[in-house]
Amino acid sequence: MAIKAKWKKNNQVYLFLGVGFGAYKAMMAANALHMISPEVDSKEIGMVALCDGKGEVGWVDYQEVEIVEIDGERPADLLR
């Protein structure tokens, strides 16, 4: 099954490979009191793996991707 996805940032079409999660965790120490109990910020971000015509893989935030074709048909046509 071939799925084509458009990256909204550059309007390029790529092959959709799958989904995953990116995550980050940051500790902020603004003053001496925070050094005892630092403020922690963390988040999981849904990511989509895409590849270009050269086979190079990249990860993109899922909100920046639109599926444009599945096996040669538009998603709307498949849902009829």
PDB file of N, CA and C in Angstrom:
ATOM      1  N   MET A   1       0.848  -1.168   0.000  1.00  0.00           N
ATOM      2  CA  MET A   1       0.000   0.000   0.000  1.00  0.00           C
ATOM      3  C   MET A   1       0.895   1.233   0.000  1.00  0.00           C
ATOM      4  N   ALA A   2       0.651   2.134  -0.927  1.00  0.00           N
ATOM      5  CA  ALA A   2       1.405   3.382  -1.006  1.00  0.00           C
ATOM      6  C   ALA A   2       0.522   4.532  -0.528  1.00  0.00           C
ATOM      7  N   ILE A   3       1.060   5.300   0.404  1.00  0.00           N
ATOM      8  CA  ILE A   3       0.340   6.461   0.931  1.00  0.00           C
ATOM      9  C   ILE A   3       1.200   7.687   0.672  1.00  0.00           C
ATOM     10  N   LYS A   4       0.624   8.673  -0.002  1.00  0.00           N
ATOM     11  CA  LYS A   4       1.326   9.928  -0.264  1.00  0.00           C
ATOM     12  C   LYS A   4       0.815  10.982   0.710  1.00  0.00           C
ATOM     13  N   ALA A   5       1.756  11.742   1.255  1.00  0.00           N
ATOM     14  CA  ALA A   5       1.417  12.783   2.220  1.00  0.00           C
ATOM     15  C   ALA A   5       2.081  14.091   1.804  1.00  0.00           C
ATOM     16  N   LYS A   6       1.366  15.186   2.019  1.00  0.00           N
ATOM     17  CA  LYS A   6       1.912  16.512   1.716  1.00  0.00           C
ATOM     18  C   LYS A   6       2.349  17.160   3.015  1.00  0.00           C
ATOM     19  N   TRP A   7       3.589  17.643   3.046  1.00  0.00           N
ATOM     20  CA  TRP A   7       4.079  18.413   4.190  1.00  0.00           C
ATOM     21  C   TRP A   7       3.648  19.847   3.948  1.00  0.00           C
ATOM     22  N   LYS A   8       2.761  20.349   4.800  1.00  0.00           N
ATOM     23  CA  LYS A   8       2.169  21.674   4.613  1.00  0.00           C
ATOM     24  C   LYS A   8       3.206  22.794   4.613  1.00  0.00           C
ATOM     25  N   LYS A   9       4.315  22.580   5.279  1.00  0.00           N
ATOM     26  CA  LYS A   9       5.354  23.611   5.382  1.00  0.00           C
ATOM     27  C   LYS A   9       5.943  23.978   4.022  1.00  0.00           C
ATOM     28  N   ASN A  10       6.128  22.957   3.149  1.00  0.00           N
ATOM     29  CA  ASN A  10       6.746  23.247   1.853  1.00  0.00           C
ATOM     30  C   ASN A  10       5.922  22.757   0.660  1.00  0.00           C
ATOM     31  N   ASN A  11       4.727  22.203   0.921  1.00  0.00           N
ATOM     32  CA  ASN A  11       3.831  21.686  -0.118  1.00  0.00           C
ATOM     33  C   ASN A  11       4.429  20.563  -0.962  1.00  0.00           C
ATOM     34  N   GLN A  12       5.490  19.938  -0.485  1.00  0.00           N
ATOM     35  CA  GLN A  12       6.085  18.800  -1.178  1.00  0.00           C
ATOM     36  C   GLN A  12       5.322  17.531  -0.807  1.00  0.00           C
ATOM     37  N   VAL A  13       5.280  16.584  -1.731  1.00  0.00           N
ATOM     38  CA  VAL A  13       4.614  15.300  -1.487  1.00  0.00           C
ATOM     39  C   VAL A  13       5.677  14.243  -1.200  1.00  0.00           C
ATOM     40  N   TYR A  14       5.435  13.465  -0.159  1.00  0.00           N
ATOM     41  CA  TYR A  14       6.351  12.418   0.290  1.00  0.00           C
ATOM     42  C   TYR A  14       5.578  11.117   0.464  1.00  0.00           C
ATOM     43  N   LEU A  15       6.297  10.019   0.654  1.00  0.00           N
ATOM     44  CA  LEU A  15       5.666   8.761   1.010  1.00  0.00           C
ATOM     45  C   LEU A  15       5.526   8.700   2.519  1.00  0.00           C
ATOM     46  N   PHE A  16       4.362   8.314   2.974  1.00  0.00           N
ATOM     47  CA  PHE A  16       4.069   8.162   4.391  1.00  0.00           C
ATOM     48  C   PHE A  16       4.569   6.790   4.835  1.00  0.00           C
ATOM     49  N   LEU A  17       5.415   6.759   5.876  1.00  0.00           N
ATOM     50  CA  LEU A  17       5.972   5.496   6.351  1.00  0.00           C
ATOM     51  C   LEU A  17       5.336   5.010   7.645  1.00  0.00           C
ATOM     52  N   GLY A  18       4.960   5.935   8.518  1.00  0.00           N
ATOM     53  CA  GLY A  18       4.371   5.522   9.794  1.00  0.00           C
ATOM     54  C   GLY A  18       4.348   6.664  10.789  1.00  0.00           C
ATOM     55  N   VAL A  19       3.949   6.316  12.018  1.00  0.00           N
ATOM     56  CA  VAL A  19       3.831   7.317  13.079  1.00  0.00           C
ATOM     57  C   VAL A  19       4.668   6.910  14.280  1.00  0.00           C
ATOM     58  N   GLY A  20       4.950   7.881  15.125  1.00  0.00           N
ATOM     59  CA  GLY A  20       5.707   7.648  16.346  1.00  0.00           C
ATOM     60  C   GLY A  20       5.560   8.844  17.261  1.00  0.00           C
ATOM     61  N   PHE A  21       6.356   8.872  18.303  1.00  0.00           N
ATOM     62  CA  PHE A  21       6.303   9.983  19.247  1.00  0.00           C
ATOM     63  C   PHE A  21       7.690  10.577  19.419  1.00  0.00           C
ATOM     64  N   GLY A  22       7.737  11.895  19.425  1.00  0.00           N
ATOM     65  CA  GLY A  22       8.937  12.609  19.818  1.00  0.00           C
ATOM     66  C   GLY A  22       8.682  13.106  21.226  1.00  0.00           C
ATOM     67  N   ALA A  23       9.713  13.300  21.990  1.00  0.00           N
ATOM     68  CA  ALA A  23       9.535  13.754  23.362  1.00  0.00           C
ATOM     69  C   ALA A  23      10.678  14.688  23.742  1.00  0.00           C
ATOM     70  N   TYR A  24      10.391  15.571  24.665  1.00  0.00           N
ATOM     71  CA  TYR A  24      11.458  16.402  25.194  1.00  0.00           C
ATOM     72  C   TYR A  24      11.231  16.607  26.681  1.00  0.00           C
ATOM     73  N   LYS A  25      12.297  16.905  27.364  1.00  0.00           N
ATOM     74  CA  LYS A  25      12.224  17.211  28.783  1.00  0.00           C
ATOM     75  C   LYS A  25      13.258  18.287  29.053  1.00  0.00           C
ATOM     76  N   ALA A  26      12.831  19.374  29.646  1.00  0.00           N
ATOM     77  CA  ALA A  26      13.726  20.486  29.926  1.00  0.00           C
ATOM     78  C   ALA A  26      13.593  20.890  31.383  1.00  0.00           C
ATOM     79  N   MET A  27      14.717  21.148  32.008  1.00  0.00           N
ATOM     80  CA  MET A  27      14.719  21.610  33.394  1.00  0.00           C
ATOM     81  C   MET A  27      15.181  23.057  33.395  1.00  0.00           C
ATOM     82  N   MET A  28      14.441  23.884  34.099  1.00  0.00           N
ATOM     83  CA  MET A  28      14.767  25.303  34.151  1.00  0.00           C
ATOM     84  C   MET A  28      15.085  25.695  35.587  1.00  0.00           C
ATOM     85  N   ALA A  29      16.240  26.276  35.784  1.00  0.00           N
ATOM     86  CA  ALA A  29      16.622  26.765  37.113  1.00  0.00           C
ATOM     87  C   ALA A  29      16.795  28.272  37.022  1.00  0.00           C
ATOM     88  N   ALA A  30      15.785  29.012  37.426  1.00  0.00           N
ATOM     89  CA  ALA A  30      15.805  30.468  37.307  1.00  0.00           C
ATOM     90  C   ALA A  30      16.542  31.131  38.463  1.00  0.00           C
ATOM     91  N   ASN A  31      16.527  30.508  39.642  1.00  0.00           N
ATOM     92  CA  ASN A  31      17.211  31.090  40.788  1.00  0.00           C
ATOM     93  C   ASN A  31      17.640  29.971  41.738  1.00  0.00           C
ATOM     94  N   ALA A  32      18.216  30.335  42.866  1.00  0.00           N
ATOM     95  CA  ALA A  32      18.738  29.346  43.822  1.00  0.00           C
ATOM     96  C   ALA A  32      17.641  28.423  44.337  1.00  0.00           C
ATOM     97  N   LEU A  33      16.450  28.933  44.557  1.00  0.00           N
ATOM     98  CA  LEU A  33      15.351  28.112  45.055  1.00  0.00           C
ATOM     99  C   LEU A  33      14.979  27.027  44.048  1.00  0.00           C
ATOM    100  N   HIS A  34      15.017  27.363  42.774  1.00  0.00           N
ATOM    101  CA  HIS A  34      14.698  26.376  41.739  1.00  0.00           C
ATOM    102  C   HIS A  34      15.759  25.281  41.624  1.00  0.00           C
ATOM    103  N   MET A  35      16.972  25.549  42.078  1.00  0.00           N
ATOM    104  CA  MET A  35      18.016  24.519  42.026  1.00  0.00           C
ATOM    105  C   MET A  35      17.671  23.359  42.954  1.00  0.00           C
ATOM    106  N   ILE A  36      16.971  23.643  44.053  1.00  0.00           N
ATOM    107  CA  ILE A  36      16.555  22.592  44.971  1.00  0.00           C
ATOM    108  C   ILE A  36      15.441  21.770  44.343  1.00  0.00           C
ATOM    109  N   SER A  37      14.487  22.446  43.744  1.00  0.00           N
ATOM    110  CA  SER A  37      13.354  21.788  43.098  1.00  0.00           C
ATOM    111  C   SER A  37      13.132  22.439  41.737  1.00  0.00           C
ATOM    112  N   PRO A  38      13.920  22.047  40.729  1.00  0.00           N
ATOM    113  CA  PRO A  38      13.819  22.710  39.421  1.00  0.00           C
ATOM    114  C   PRO A  38      12.470  22.486  38.754  1.00  0.00           C
ATOM    115  N   GLU A  39      12.101  23.448  37.951  1.00  0.00           N
ATOM    116  CA  GLU A  39      10.862  23.365  37.176  1.00  0.00           C
ATOM    117  C   GLU A  39      11.133  22.484  35.957  1.00  0.00           C
ATOM    118  N   VAL A  40      10.288  21.482  35.747  1.00  0.00           N
ATOM    119  CA  VAL A  40      10.488  20.542  34.642  1.00  0.00           C
ATOM    120  C   VAL A  40       9.351  20.702  33.647  1.00  0.00           C
ATOM    121  N   ASP A  41       9.712  20.812  32.394  1.00  0.00           N
ATOM    122  CA  ASP A  41       8.731  20.899  31.317  1.00  0.00           C
ATOM    123  C   ASP A  41       8.971  19.719  30.394  1.00  0.00           C
ATOM    124  N   SER A  42       7.933  18.933  30.125  1.00  0.00           N
ATOM    125  CA  SER A  42       8.088  17.801  29.213  1.00  0.00           C
ATOM    126  C   SER A  42       6.818  17.636  28.399  1.00  0.00           C
ATOM    127  N   LYS A  43       6.964  17.019  27.250  1.00  0.00           N
ATOM    128  CA  LYS A  43       5.809  16.842  26.371  1.00  0.00           C
ATOM    129  C   LYS A  43       6.116  15.749  25.360  1.00  0.00           C
ATOM    130  N   GLU A  44       5.088  15.008  24.982  1.00  0.00           N
ATOM    131  CA  GLU A  44       5.205  14.071  23.870  1.00  0.00           C
ATOM    132  C   GLU A  44       4.548  14.710  22.659  1.00  0.00           C
ATOM    133  N   ILE A  45       5.160  14.535  21.521  1.00  0.00           N
ATOM    134  CA  ILE A  45       4.671  15.141  20.289  1.00  0.00           C
ATOM    135  C   ILE A  45       4.471  14.043  19.259  1.00  0.00           C
ATOM    136  N   GLY A  46       3.270  13.957  18.694  1.00  0.00           N
ATOM    137  CA  GLY A  46       3.021  12.974  17.638  1.00  0.00           C
ATOM    138  C   GLY A  46       3.823  13.320  16.398  1.00  0.00           C
ATOM    139  N   MET A  47       4.534  12.348  15.865  1.00  0.00           N
ATOM    140  CA  MET A  47       5.383  12.576  14.703  1.00  0.00           C
ATOM    141  C   MET A  47       5.026  11.588  13.593  1.00  0.00           C
ATOM    142  N   VAL A  48       5.305  11.986  12.363  1.00  0.00           N
ATOM    143  CA  VAL A  48       5.049  11.160  11.186  1.00  0.00           C
ATOM    144  C   VAL A  48       6.375  10.973  10.449  1.00  0.00           C
ATOM    145  N   ALA A  49       6.672   9.735  10.074  1.00  0.00           N
ATOM    146  CA  ALA A  49       7.869   9.452   9.281  1.00  0.00           C
ATOM    147  C   ALA A  49       7.499   9.532   7.802  1.00  0.00           C
ATOM    148  N   LEU A  50       8.253  10.337   7.063  1.00  0.00           N
ATOM    149  CA  LEU A  50       8.056  10.513   5.629  1.00  0.00           C
ATOM    150  C   LEU A  50       9.367  10.218   4.917  1.00  0.00           C
ATOM    151  N   CYS A  51       9.290   9.819   3.649  1.00  0.00           N
ATOM    152  CA  CYS A  51      10.524   9.694   2.870  1.00  0.00           C
ATOM    153  C   CYS A  51      10.332  10.352   1.514  1.00  0.00           C
ATOM    154  N   ASP A  52      11.444  10.860   0.988  1.00  0.00           N
ATOM    155  CA  ASP A  52      11.404  11.529  -0.311  1.00  0.00           C
ATOM    156  C   ASP A  52      11.768  10.540  -1.417  1.00  0.00           C
ATOM    157  N   GLY A  53      11.898  11.029  -2.631  1.00  0.00           N
ATOM    158  CA  GLY A  53      12.194  10.180  -3.779  1.00  0.00           C
ATOM    159  C   GLY A  53      13.555   9.510  -3.721  1.00  0.00           C
ATOM    160  N   LYS A  54      14.454  10.019  -2.899  1.00  0.00           N
ATOM    161  CA  LYS A  54      15.776   9.421  -2.725  1.00  0.00           C
ATOM    162  C   LYS A  54      15.773   8.362  -1.623  1.00  0.00           C
ATOM    163  N   GLY A  55      14.636   8.228  -0.935  1.00  0.00           N
ATOM    164  CA  GLY A  55      14.550   7.268   0.163  1.00  0.00           C
ATOM    165  C   GLY A  55      15.005   7.822   1.493  1.00  0.00           C
ATOM    166  N   GLU A  56      15.300   9.111   1.559  1.00  0.00           N
ATOM    167  CA  GLU A  56      15.741   9.722   2.809  1.00  0.00           C
ATOM    168  C   GLU A  56      14.541   9.934   3.726  1.00  0.00           C
ATOM    169  N   VAL A  57      14.681   9.510   4.974  1.00  0.00           N
ATOM    170  CA  VAL A  57      13.592   9.548   5.943  1.00  0.00           C
ATOM    171  C   VAL A  57      13.724  10.771   6.845  1.00  0.00           C
ATOM    172  N   GLY A  58      12.589  11.389   7.144  1.00  0.00           N
ATOM    173  CA  GLY A  58      12.548  12.512   8.075  1.00  0.00           C
ATOM    174  C   GLY A  58      11.302  12.422   8.929  1.00  0.00           C
ATOM    175  N   TRP A  59      11.360  13.039  10.088  1.00  0.00           N
ATOM    176  CA  TRP A  59      10.223  13.061  11.011  1.00  0.00           C
ATOM    177  C   TRP A  59       9.623  14.455  11.046  1.00  0.00           C
ATOM    178  N   VAL A  60       8.284  14.520  10.986  1.00  0.00           N
ATOM    179  CA  VAL A  60       7.553  15.780  10.931  1.00  0.00           C
ATOM    180  C   VAL A  60       6.409  15.720  11.940  1.00  0.00           C
ATOM    181  N   ASP A  61       6.105  16.847  12.564  1.00  0.00           N
ATOM    182  CA  ASP A  61       4.952  16.932  13.469  1.00  0.00           C
ATOM    183  C   ASP A  61       3.694  16.534  12.695  1.00  0.00           C
ATOM    184  N   TYR A  62       2.891  15.665  13.274  1.00  0.00           N
ATOM    185  CA  TYR A  62       1.711  15.138  12.563  1.00  0.00           C
ATOM    186  C   TYR A  62       0.739  16.237  12.145  1.00  0.00           C
ATOM    187  N   GLN A  63       0.709  17.352  12.841  1.00  0.00           N
ATOM    188  CA  GLN A  63      -0.214  18.436  12.497  1.00  0.00           C
ATOM    189  C   GLN A  63       0.204  19.178  11.234  1.00  0.00           C
ATOM    190  N   GLU A  64       1.425  18.931  10.763  1.00  0.00           N
ATOM    191  CA  GLU A  64       1.932  19.595   9.562  1.00  0.00           C
ATOM    192  C   GLU A  64       1.791  18.726   8.312  1.00  0.00           C
ATOM    193  N   VAL A  65       1.081  17.580   8.436  1.00  0.00           N
ATOM    194  CA  VAL A  65       0.995  16.628   7.337  1.00  0.00           C
ATOM    195  C   VAL A  65      -0.454  16.392   6.931  1.00  0.00           C
ATOM    196  N   GLU A  66      -0.673  16.275   5.635  1.00  0.00           N
ATOM    197  CA  GLU A  66      -1.998  15.969   5.093  1.00  0.00           C
ATOM    198  C   GLU A  66      -1.858  14.772   4.148  1.00  0.00           C
ATOM    199  N   ILE A  67      -2.650  13.737   4.372  1.00  0.00           N
ATOM    200  CA  ILE A  67      -2.644  12.577   3.473  1.00  0.00           C
ATOM    201  C   ILE A  67      -3.388  12.983   2.204  1.00  0.00           C
ATOM    202  N   VAL A  68      -2.745  12.819   1.051  1.00  0.00           N
ATOM    203  CA  VAL A  68      -3.358  13.245  -0.209  1.00  0.00           C
ATOM    204  C   VAL A  68      -3.768  12.077  -1.103  1.00  0.00           C
ATOM    205  N   GLU A  69      -3.153  10.892  -0.885  1.00  0.00           N
ATOM    206  CA  GLU A  69      -3.474   9.772  -1.760  1.00  0.00           C
ATOM    207  C   GLU A  69      -3.138   8.445  -1.081  1.00  0.00           C
ATOM    208  N   ILE A  70      -4.029   7.462  -1.253  1.00  0.00           N
ATOM    209  CA  ILE A  70      -3.803   6.108  -0.752  1.00  0.00           C
ATOM    210  C   ILE A  70      -4.039   5.155  -1.923  1.00  0.00           C
ATOM    211  N   ASP A  71      -3.004   4.447  -2.306  1.00  0.00           N
ATOM    212  CA  ASP A  71      -3.078   3.536  -3.460  1.00  0.00           C
ATOM    213  C   ASP A  71      -3.694   4.194  -4.693  1.00  0.00           C
ATOM    214  N   GLY A  72      -3.297   5.418  -4.944  1.00  0.00           N
ATOM    215  CA  GLY A  72      -3.744   6.123  -6.149  1.00  0.00           C
ATOM    216  C   GLY A  72      -5.104   6.797  -6.036  1.00  0.00           C
ATOM    217  N   GLU A  73      -5.746   6.734  -4.883  1.00  0.00           N
ATOM    218  CA  GLU A  73      -7.054   7.355  -4.717  1.00  0.00           C
ATOM    219  C   GLU A  73      -7.036   8.379  -3.579  1.00  0.00           C
ATOM    220  N   ARG A  74      -7.864   9.409  -3.735  1.00  0.00           N
ATOM    221  CA  ARG A  74      -7.982  10.413  -2.690  1.00  0.00           C
ATOM    222  C   ARG A  74      -8.701   9.818  -1.477  1.00  0.00           C
ATOM    223  N   PRO A  75      -8.339  10.234  -0.257  1.00  0.00           N
ATOM    224  CA  PRO A  75      -9.017   9.702   0.935  1.00  0.00           C
ATOM    225  C   PRO A  75     -10.539   9.850   0.879  1.00  0.00           C
ATOM    226  N   ALA A  76     -11.023  10.990   0.378  1.00  0.00           N
ATOM    227  CA  ALA A  76     -12.476  11.212   0.316  1.00  0.00           C
ATOM    228  C   ALA A  76     -13.177  10.179  -0.568  1.00  0.00           C
ATOM    229  N   ASP A  77     -12.512   9.772  -1.657  1.00  0.00           N
ATOM    230  CA  ASP A  77     -13.098   8.777  -2.549  1.00  0.00           C
ATOM    231  C   ASP A  77     -13.172   7.401  -1.887  1.00  0.00           C
ATOM    232  N   LEU A  78     -12.194   7.087  -1.054  1.00  0.00           N
ATOM    233  CA  LEU A  78     -12.175   5.803  -0.361  1.00  0.00           C
ATOM    234  C   LEU A  78     -13.218   5.724   0.743  1.00  0.00           C
ATOM    235  N   LEU A  79     -13.668   6.872   1.242  1.00  0.00           N
ATOM    236  CA  LEU A  79     -14.641   6.896   2.342  1.00  0.00           C
ATOM    237  C   LEU A  79     -16.076   6.968   1.871  1.00  0.00           C
ATOM    238  N   ARG A  80     -16.307   6.934   0.599  1.00  0.00           N
ATOM    239  CA  ARG A  80     -17.684   6.982   0.068  1.00  0.00           C
ATOM    240  C   ARG A  80     -18.374   5.672   0.254  1.00  0.00           C
TER     241      ARG A  80
END
